[in-house]
C-alpha atoms as a PDB file:
ATOM      1  CA  UNK A   1     -31.593  96.678  94.783  1.00  0.00           C
ATOM      2  CA  UNK A   2     -28.374  98.053  96.079  1.00  0.00           C
ATOM      3  CA  UNK A   3     -26.317  97.725  93.016  1.00  0.00           C
ATOM      4  CA  UNK A   4     -27.094  98.200  89.258  1.00  0.00           C
ATOM      5  CA  UNK A   5     -25.927  94.678  88.550  1.00  0.00           C
ATOM      6  CA  UNK A   6     -28.612  93.118  90.603  1.00  0.00           C
ATOM      7  CA  UNK A   7     -31.531  93.771  88.076  1.00  0.00           C
ATOM      8  CA  UNK A   8     -29.181  91.970  85.503  1.00  0.00           C
ATOM      9  CA  UNK A   9     -28.717  88.983  87.741  1.00  0.00           C
ATOM     10  CA  UNK A  10     -32.296  88.645  89.109  1.00  0.00           C
ATOM     11  CA  UNK A  11     -33.542  88.274  85.413  1.00  0.00           C
ATOM     12  CA  UNK A  12     -32.614  84.662  85.934  1.00  0.00           C
ATOM     13  CA  UNK A  13     -34.713  83.931  88.847  1.00  0.00           C
ATOM     14  CA  UNK A  14     -37.626  81.608  87.806  1.00  0.00           C
ATOM     15  CA  UNK A  15     -40.003  79.395  89.588  1.00  0.00           C
ATOM     16  CA  UNK A  16     -40.972  79.144  93.221  1.00  0.00           C
ATOM     17  CA  UNK A  17     -40.293  76.857  96.199  1.00  0.00           C
ATOM     18  CA  UNK A  18     -37.188  75.435  97.071  1.00  0.00           C
ATOM     19  CA  UNK A  19     -35.051  72.235  96.647  1.00  0.00           C
ATOM     20  CA  UNK A  20     -31.406  71.594  97.518  1.00  0.00           C
ATOM     21  CA  UNK A  21     -29.662  74.365  99.551  1.00  0.00           C
ATOM     22  CA  UNK A  22     -26.049  74.919  99.948  1.00  0.00           C
ATOM     23  CA  UNK A  23     -24.821  76.976 102.951  1.00  0.00           C
ATOM     24  CA  UNK A  24     -21.512  78.486 103.614  1.00  0.00           C
ATOM     25  CA  UNK A  25     -18.954  75.582 103.076  1.00  0.00           C
ATOM     26  CA  UNK A  26     -16.101  77.472 101.364  1.00  0.00           C
ATOM     27  CA  UNK A  27     -13.189  79.467 102.241  1.00  0.00           C
ATOM     28  CA  UNK A  28     -12.720  82.883 100.548  1.00  0.00           C
ATOM     29  CA  UNK A  29      -8.934  82.619  99.376  1.00  0.00           C
ATOM     30  CA  UNK A  30      -8.706  85.322  96.749  1.00  0.00           C
ATOM     31  CA  UNK A  31     -10.509  88.445  95.222  1.00  0.00           C
ATOM     32  CA  UNK A  32     -12.799  86.571  92.966  1.00  0.00           C
ATOM     33  CA  UNK A  33     -13.836  84.162  95.708  1.00  0.00           C
ATOM     34  CA  UNK A  34     -14.701  87.254  97.922  1.00  0.00           C
ATOM     35  CA  UNK A  35     -16.512  89.426  95.445  1.00  0.00           C
ATOM     36  CA  UNK A  36     -18.449  86.366  94.113  1.00  0.00           C
ATOM     37  CA  UNK A  37     -19.614  85.459  97.751  1.00  0.00           C
ATOM     38  CA  UNK A  38     -20.270  89.115  98.556  1.00  0.00           C
ATOM     39  CA  UNK A  39     -22.459  89.614  95.357  1.00  0.00           C
ATOM     40  CA  UNK A  40     -24.226  86.437  96.132  1.00  0.00           C
ATOM     41  CA  UNK A  41     -24.961  87.276  99.792  1.00  0.00           C
ATOM     42  CA  UNK A  42     -26.060  90.695  98.924  1.00  0.00           C
ATOM     43  CA  UNK A  43     -28.482  89.390  96.247  1.00  0.00           C
ATOM     44  CA  UNK A  44     -29.636  86.786  98.600  1.00  0.00           C
ATOM     45  CA  UNK A  45     -30.327  89.360 101.335  1.00  0.00           C
ATOM     46  CA  UNK A  46     -32.311  91.532  99.049  1.00  0.00           C
ATOM     47  CA  UNK A  47     -34.335  88.636  97.706  1.00  0.00           C
ATOM     48  CA  UNK A  48     -35.097  87.564 101.259  1.00  0.00           C
ATOM     49  CA  UNK A  49     -36.003  91.101 102.207  1.00  0.00           C
ATOM     50  CA  UNK A  50     -38.659  91.076  99.536  1.00  0.00           C
ATOM     51  CA  UNK A  51     -39.796  87.727 100.511  1.00  0.00           C
ATOM     52  CA  UNK A  52     -39.101  86.246  96.940  1.00  0.00           C
ATOM     53  CA  UNK A  53     -39.589  82.370  96.903  1.00  0.00           C
ATOM     54  CA  UNK A  54     -36.669  80.627  95.102  1.00  0.00           C
ATOM     55  CA  UNK A  55     -36.347  77.354  93.413  1.00  0.00           C
ATOM     56  CA  UNK A  56     -32.595  76.927  94.056  1.00  0.00           C
ATOM     57  CA  UNK A  57     -31.965  74.309  91.320  1.00  0.00           C
ATOM     58  CA  UNK A  58     -33.709  76.494  88.654  1.00  0.00           C
ATOM     59  CA  UNK A  59     -32.115  79.619  89.983  1.00  0.00           C
ATOM     60  CA  UNK A  60     -28.525  77.979  89.684  1.00  0.00           C
ATOM     61  CA  UNK A  61     -29.229  76.513  86.209  1.00  0.00           C
ATOM     62  CA  UNK A  62     -30.276  79.803  85.101  1.00  0.00           C
ATOM     63  CA  UNK A  63     -27.210  81.623  86.657  1.00  0.00           C
ATOM     64  CA  UNK A  64     -24.971  78.945  84.950  1.00  0.00           C
ATOM     65  CA  UNK A  65     -26.648  79.172  81.688  1.00  0.00           C
ATOM     66  CA  UNK A  66     -26.764  83.013  81.544  1.00  0.00           C
ATOM     67  CA  UNK A  67     -23.093  83.335  82.640  1.00  0.00           C
ATOM     68  CA  UNK A  68     -21.240  80.303  81.009  1.00  0.00           C
ATOM     69  CA  UNK A  69     -23.346  79.303  77.963  1.00  0.00           C
ATOM     70  CA  UNK A  70     -25.615  80.416  75.199  1.00  0.00           C
ATOM     71  CA  UNK A  71     -28.082  77.903  76.161  1.00  0.00           C
ATOM     72  CA  UNK A  72     -30.697  80.067  77.901  1.00  0.00           C
ATOM     73  CA  UNK A  73     -34.012  78.586  77.697  1.00  0.00           C
ATOM     74  CA  UNK A  74     -35.894  81.997  78.035  1.00  0.00           C
ATOM     75  CA  UNK A  75     -35.240  84.667  75.686  1.00  0.00           C
ATOM     76  CA  UNK A  76     -34.850  88.360  77.038  1.00  0.00           C
ATOM     77  CA  UNK A  77     -38.631  89.180  76.345  1.00  0.00           C
ATOM     78  CA  UNK A  78     -39.752  86.043  78.184  1.00  0.00           C
ATOM     79  CA  UNK A  79     -37.400  86.882  81.240  1.00  0.00           C
ATOM     80  CA  UNK A  80     -38.447  90.401  81.082  1.00  0.00           C
ATOM     81  CA  UNK A  81     -42.261  89.207  81.244  1.00  0.00           C
ATOM     82  CA  UNK A  82     -41.199  87.045  84.115  1.00  0.00           C
ATOM     83  CA  UNK A  83     -39.703  89.847  85.993  1.00  0.00           C
ATOM     84  CA  UNK A  84     -42.661  92.149  85.481  1.00  0.00           C
ATOM     85  CA  UNK A  85     -44.901  89.286  86.949  1.00  0.00           C
ATOM     86  CA  UNK A  86     -42.447  88.874  89.864  1.00  0.00           C
ATOM     87  CA  UNK A  87     -42.507  92.556  90.700  1.00  0.00           C
ATOM     88  CA  UNK A  88     -46.370  92.607  90.473  1.00  0.00           C
ATOM     89  CA  UNK A  89     -46.475  89.649  92.815  1.00  0.00           C
ATOM     90  CA  UNK A  90     -44.164  91.350  95.328  1.00  0.00           C
ATOM     91  CA  UNK A  91     -46.191  94.613  95.345  1.00  0.00           C
ATOM     92  CA  UNK A  92     -49.521  92.633  95.682  1.00  0.00           C
ATOM     93  CA  UNK A  93     -48.071  90.504  98.737  1.00  0.00           C
ATOM     94  CA  UNK A  94     -46.811  93.855 100.301  1.00  0.00           C
ATOM     95  CA  UNK A  95     -49.959  95.580  99.796  1.00  0.00           C
ATOM     96  CA  UNK A  96     -51.993  92.614 101.458  1.00  0.00           C
ATOM     97  CA  UNK A  97     -49.455  92.430 104.254  1.00  0.00           C
ATOM     98  CA  UNK A  98     -49.860  96.179 104.825  1.00  0.00           C
ATOM     99  CA  UNK A  99     -53.534  95.942 105.088  1.00  0.00           C
ATOM    100  CA  UNK A 100     -53.382  93.349 107.463  1.00  0.00           C
ATOM    101  CA  UNK A 101     -50.740  95.069 109.574  1.00  0.00           C
ATOM    102  CA  UNK A 102     -52.841  98.287 109.540  1.00  0.00           C
ATOM    103  CA  UNK A 103     -55.955  96.387 110.948  1.00  0.00           C
ATOM    104  CA  UNK A 104     -53.714  94.862 113.566  1.00  0.00           C
ATOM    105  CA  UNK A 105     -52.419  98.313 114.540  1.00  0.00           C
ATOM    106  CA  UNK A 106     -55.789  99.609 114.980  1.00  0.00           C
ATOM    107  CA  UNK A 107     -57.009  96.653 116.996  1.00  0.00           C
ATOM    108  CA  UNK A 108     -54.082  96.544 119.122  1.00  0.00           C
ATOM    109  CA  UNK A 109     -54.280 100.250 120.058  1.00  0.00           C
ATOM    110  CA  UNK A 110     -58.103 100.095 120.807  1.00  0.00           C
ATOM    111  CA  UNK A 111     -57.426  97.198 123.204  1.00  0.00           C
ATOM    112  CA  UNK A 112     -54.381  98.620 124.649  1.00  0.00           C
ATOM    113  CA  UNK A 113     -56.289 101.826 125.833  1.00  0.00           C
ATOM    114  CA  UNK A 114     -59.164  99.899 127.027  1.00  0.00           C
ATOM    115  CA  UNK A 115     -57.274  97.284 129.106  1.00  0.00           C
ATOM    116  CA  UNK A 116     -54.520  99.558 130.529  1.00  0.00           C
ATOM    117  CA  UNK A 117     -55.475 102.329 132.824  1.00  0.00           C
ATOM    118  CA  UNK A 118     -52.035 103.887 132.685  1.00  0.00           C
ATOM    119  CA  UNK A 119     -52.026 104.450 128.881  1.00  0.00           C
ATOM    120  CA  UNK A 120     -52.446 107.896 127.827  1.00  0.00           C
ATOM    121  CA  UNK A 121     -53.384 109.064 124.279  1.00  0.00           C
ATOM    122  CA  UNK A 122     -52.831 112.309 122.391  1.00  0.00           C
ATOM    123  CA  UNK A 123     -55.077 113.829 119.589  1.00  0.00           C
ATOM    124  CA  UNK A 124     -52.823 112.284 116.865  1.00  0.00           C
ATOM    125  CA  UNK A 125     -53.341 108.643 118.304  1.00  0.00           C
ATOM    126  CA  UNK A 126     -50.045 108.390 120.009  1.00  0.00           C
ATOM    127  CA  UNK A 127     -50.349 106.215 123.053  1.00  0.00           C
ATOM    128  CA  UNK A 128     -47.845 106.316 125.686  1.00  0.00           C
ATOM    129  CA  UNK A 129     -47.010 105.133 129.214  1.00  0.00           C
ATOM    130  CA  UNK A 130     -44.780 106.790 131.742  1.00  0.00           C
ATOM    131  CA  UNK A 131     -42.396 104.336 133.109  1.00  0.00           C
ATOM    132  CA  UNK A 132     -40.300 106.807 134.979  1.00  0.00           C
ATOM    133  CA  UNK A 133     -40.964 110.649 135.341  1.00  0.00           C
ATOM    134  CA  UNK A 134     -37.671 112.719 135.210  1.00  0.00           C
ATOM    135  CA  UNK A 135     -37.448 116.404 136.332  1.00  0.00           C
ATOM    136  CA  UNK A 136     -35.185 117.859 133.633  1.00  0.00           C
ATOM    137  CA  UNK A 137     -36.213 120.125 130.902  1.00  0.00           C
ATOM    138  CA  UNK A 138     -38.373 118.997 127.964  1.00  0.00           C
ATOM    139  CA  UNK A 139     -37.153 119.428 124.370  1.00  0.00           C
ATOM    140  CA  UNK A 140     -38.692 121.368 121.552  1.00  0.00           C
ATOM    141  CA  UNK A 141     -39.458 120.096 118.220  1.00  0.00           C
ATOM    142  CA  UNK A 142     -36.310 121.347 116.512  1.00  0.00           C
ATOM    143  CA  UNK A 143     -33.974 120.451 119.631  1.00  0.00           C
ATOM    144  CA  UNK A 144     -31.256 117.740 119.311  1.00  0.00           C
ATOM    145  CA  UNK A 145     -31.533 114.988 121.904  1.00  0.00           C
ATOM    146  CA  UNK A 146     -29.593 111.903 123.118  1.00  0.00           C
ATOM    147  CA  UNK A 147     -31.577 108.942 124.021  1.00  0.00           C
ATOM    148  CA  UNK A 148     -31.550 105.024 124.833  1.00  0.00           C
ATOM    149  CA  UNK A 149     -34.307 103.111 123.210  1.00  0.00           C
ATOM    150  CA  UNK A 150     -35.430  99.553 122.178  1.00  0.00           C
ATOM    151  CA  UNK A 151     -38.060  99.205 119.450  1.00  0.00           C
ATOM    152  CA  UNK A 152     -40.173  96.164 118.901  1.00  0.00           C
ATOM    153  CA  UNK A 153     -43.218  94.951 116.852  1.00  0.00           C
ATOM    154  CA  UNK A 154     -46.717  93.858 118.083  1.00  0.00           C
ATOM    155  CA  UNK A 155     -45.407  90.278 117.929  1.00  0.00           C
ATOM    156  CA  UNK A 156     -42.418  91.007 120.272  1.00  0.00           C
ATOM    157  CA  UNK A 157     -39.736  91.040 117.792  1.00  0.00           C
ATOM    158  CA  UNK A 158     -37.125  93.694 118.585  1.00  0.00           C
ATOM    159  CA  UNK A 159     -36.011  95.363 115.360  1.00  0.00           C
ATOM    160  CA  UNK A 160     -33.573  97.935 117.036  1.00  0.00           C
ATOM    161  CA  UNK A 161     -31.922  98.700 120.286  1.00  0.00           C
ATOM    162  CA  UNK A 162     -29.357 101.359 121.188  1.00  0.00           C
ATOM    163  CA  UNK A 163     -29.077  99.599 124.494  1.00  0.00           C
ATOM    164  CA  UNK A 164     -27.770  96.432 122.876  1.00  0.00           C
ATOM    165  CA  UNK A 165     -25.380  98.419 120.822  1.00  0.00           C
ATOM    166  CA  UNK A 166     -24.307 100.060 124.058  1.00  0.00           C
ATOM    167  CA  UNK A 167     -24.369 103.425 122.590  1.00  0.00           C
ATOM    168  CA  UNK A 168     -27.220 106.315 122.931  1.00  0.00           C
ATOM    169  CA  UNK A 169     -28.471 107.736 119.777  1.00  0.00           C
ATOM    170  CA  UNK A 170     -28.488 111.471 119.094  1.00  0.00           C
ATOM    171  CA  UNK A 171     -30.935 113.262 116.337  1.00  0.00           C
ATOM    172  CA  UNK A 172     -32.973 116.379 115.898  1.00  0.00           C
ATOM    173  CA  UNK A 173     -36.541 115.819 116.782  1.00  0.00           C
ATOM    174  CA  UNK A 174     -37.391 117.171 113.259  1.00  0.00           C
ATOM    175  CA  UNK A 175     -35.358 114.504 111.624  1.00  0.00           C
ATOM    176  CA  UNK A 176     -37.402 111.313 112.919  1.00  0.00           C
ATOM    177  CA  UNK A 177     -40.906 109.842 112.593  1.00  0.00           C
ATOM    178  CA  UNK A 178     -43.760 111.940 113.634  1.00  0.00           C
ATOM    179  CA  UNK A 179     -44.422 109.719 116.686  1.00  0.00           C
ATOM    180  CA  UNK A 180     -40.918 110.338 118.164  1.00  0.00           C
ATOM    181  CA  UNK A 181     -41.156 114.171 117.375  1.00  0.00           C
ATOM    182  CA  UNK A 182     -44.378 114.285 119.405  1.00  0.00           C
ATOM    183  CA  UNK A 183     -43.532 111.760 122.102  1.00  0.00           C
ATOM    184  CA  UNK A 184     -40.213 112.979 123.084  1.00  0.00           C
ATOM    185  CA  UNK A 185     -41.728 116.674 123.621  1.00  0.00           C
ATOM    186  CA  UNK A 186     -43.896 115.097 126.257  1.00  0.00           C
ATOM    187  CA  UNK A 187     -40.890 113.914 128.188  1.00  0.00           C
ATOM    188  CA  UNK A 188     -38.379 115.635 130.593  1.00  0.00           C
ATOM    189  CA  UNK A 189     -34.655 114.699 130.658  1.00  0.00           C
ATOM    190  CA  UNK A 190     -34.377 111.642 132.934  1.00  0.00           C
ATOM    191  CA  UNK A 191     -37.706 110.232 131.927  1.00  0.00           C
ATOM    192  CA  UNK A 192     -38.417 106.979 130.510  1.00  0.00           C
ATOM    193  CA  UNK A 193     -41.776 106.352 128.375  1.00  0.00           C
ATOM    194  CA  UNK A 194     -43.135 103.545 126.553  1.00  0.00           C
ATOM    195  CA  UNK A 195     -44.694 104.676 123.159  1.00  0.00           C
ATOM    196  CA  UNK A 196     -47.161 102.840 121.029  1.00  0.00           C
ATOM    197  CA  UNK A 197     -46.953 104.337 117.636  1.00  0.00           C
ATOM    198  CA  UNK A 198     -49.511 104.009 114.936  1.00  0.00           C
ATOM    199  CA  UNK A 199     -48.211 103.469 111.350  1.00  0.00           C
ATOM    200  CA  UNK A 200     -49.605 106.866 110.259  1.00  0.00           C
ATOM    201  CA  UNK A 201     -47.167 108.543 112.707  1.00  0.00           C
ATOM    202  CA  UNK A 202     -44.693 105.906 112.059  1.00  0.00           C
ATOM    203  CA  UNK A 203     -43.311 104.660 108.909  1.00  0.00           C
ATOM    204  CA  UNK A 204     -46.672 104.208 107.180  1.00  0.00           C
ATOM    205  CA  UNK A 205     -46.304 101.927 104.152  1.00  0.00           C
ATOM    206  CA  UNK A 206     -42.619 102.387 103.932  1.00  0.00           C
ATOM    207  CA  UNK A 207     -40.555  99.043 104.598  1.00  0.00           C
ATOM    208  CA  UNK A 208     -37.528  99.158 106.770  1.00  0.00           C
ATOM    209  CA  UNK A 209     -35.058  96.389 107.819  1.00  0.00           C
ATOM    210  CA  UNK A 210     -37.083  94.154 110.003  1.00  0.00           C
ATOM    211  CA  UNK A 211     -40.147  96.411 109.865  1.00  0.00           C
ATOM    212  CA  UNK A 212     -42.972  95.447 107.605  1.00  0.00           C
ATOM    213  CA  UNK A 213     -45.354  97.935 105.910  1.00  0.00           C
ATOM    214  CA  UNK A 214     -47.774  99.600 108.099  1.00  0.00           C
ATOM    215  CA  UNK A 215     -46.295  98.125 111.240  1.00  0.00           C
ATOM    216  CA  UNK A 216     -47.300  99.482 114.681  1.00  0.00           C
ATOM    217  CA  UNK A 217     -44.133 100.412 116.663  1.00  0.00           C
ATOM    218  CA  UNK A 218     -43.442  99.948 120.418  1.00  0.00           C
ATOM    219  CA  UNK A 219     -40.674 101.907 121.819  1.00  0.00           C
ATOM    220  CA  UNK A 220     -39.084 102.071 125.290  1.00  0.00           C
ATOM    221  CA  UNK A 221     -37.183 105.496 125.220  1.00  0.00           C
ATOM    222  CA  UNK A 222     -34.951 107.080 127.930  1.00  0.00           C
ATOM    223  CA  UNK A 223     -34.358 110.862 127.400  1.00  0.00           C
ATOM    224  CA  UNK A 224     -30.772 111.171 128.576  1.00  0.00           C
ATOM    225  CA  UNK A 225     -29.979 114.870 127.400  1.00  0.00           C
ATOM    226  CA  UNK A 226     -30.965 117.698 125.288  1.00  0.00           C
ATOM    227  CA  UNK A 227     -27.848 118.018 123.290  1.00  0.00           C
ATOM    228  CA  UNK A 228     -28.561 121.330 121.531  1.00  0.00           C
ATOM    229  CA  UNK A 229     -31.593 123.567 121.875  1.00  0.00           C
ATOM    230  CA  UNK A 230     -32.772 125.522 118.762  1.00  0.00           C
END
């Protein structure tokens, strides 16, 4: 959770499924309105990211009872037990999803190399396709570079794009995932490659915004410049 107050609020999450939902129908007219909405939106985004199922009626009842009354039908120990069970459930779901994603990554790369004659593969398992070969210098593993890129998952969902932001990204090659550190050293300035990055040289089991555990990452990367050689 982003804020220390979240563990206190999330104790009231009980049940699963969903009933009535109420969207953004209010106007934020003062400090209390704004902070209340920000707290609710931030909590909702965190719960959504963790794929927590919510019974909205039970959630709102627990929120009201815990904040406004002494009529909370679950004591602290019961709520703590529910939170432990919830966290266990979240971890189990993430582990199952991660195992499924890992198998999907292995299957995809095997088929990708078999079906496409222009796919090359390095000893680490990094697969890449040369879309355009530049004629500039290649960066070293600690050089700082400037690139344009777009990243997507196997299902085609785009999770990041400097192109859509309209601003190239700069970073040191020793500050990014292993697949990028290795792949960009294969490029020359002016080149554009497509990388297929196995989770073991990507984010592995780490969950990132819009990137589930053990996801295979597909990037189109254009090397614009070596900003600083080290």
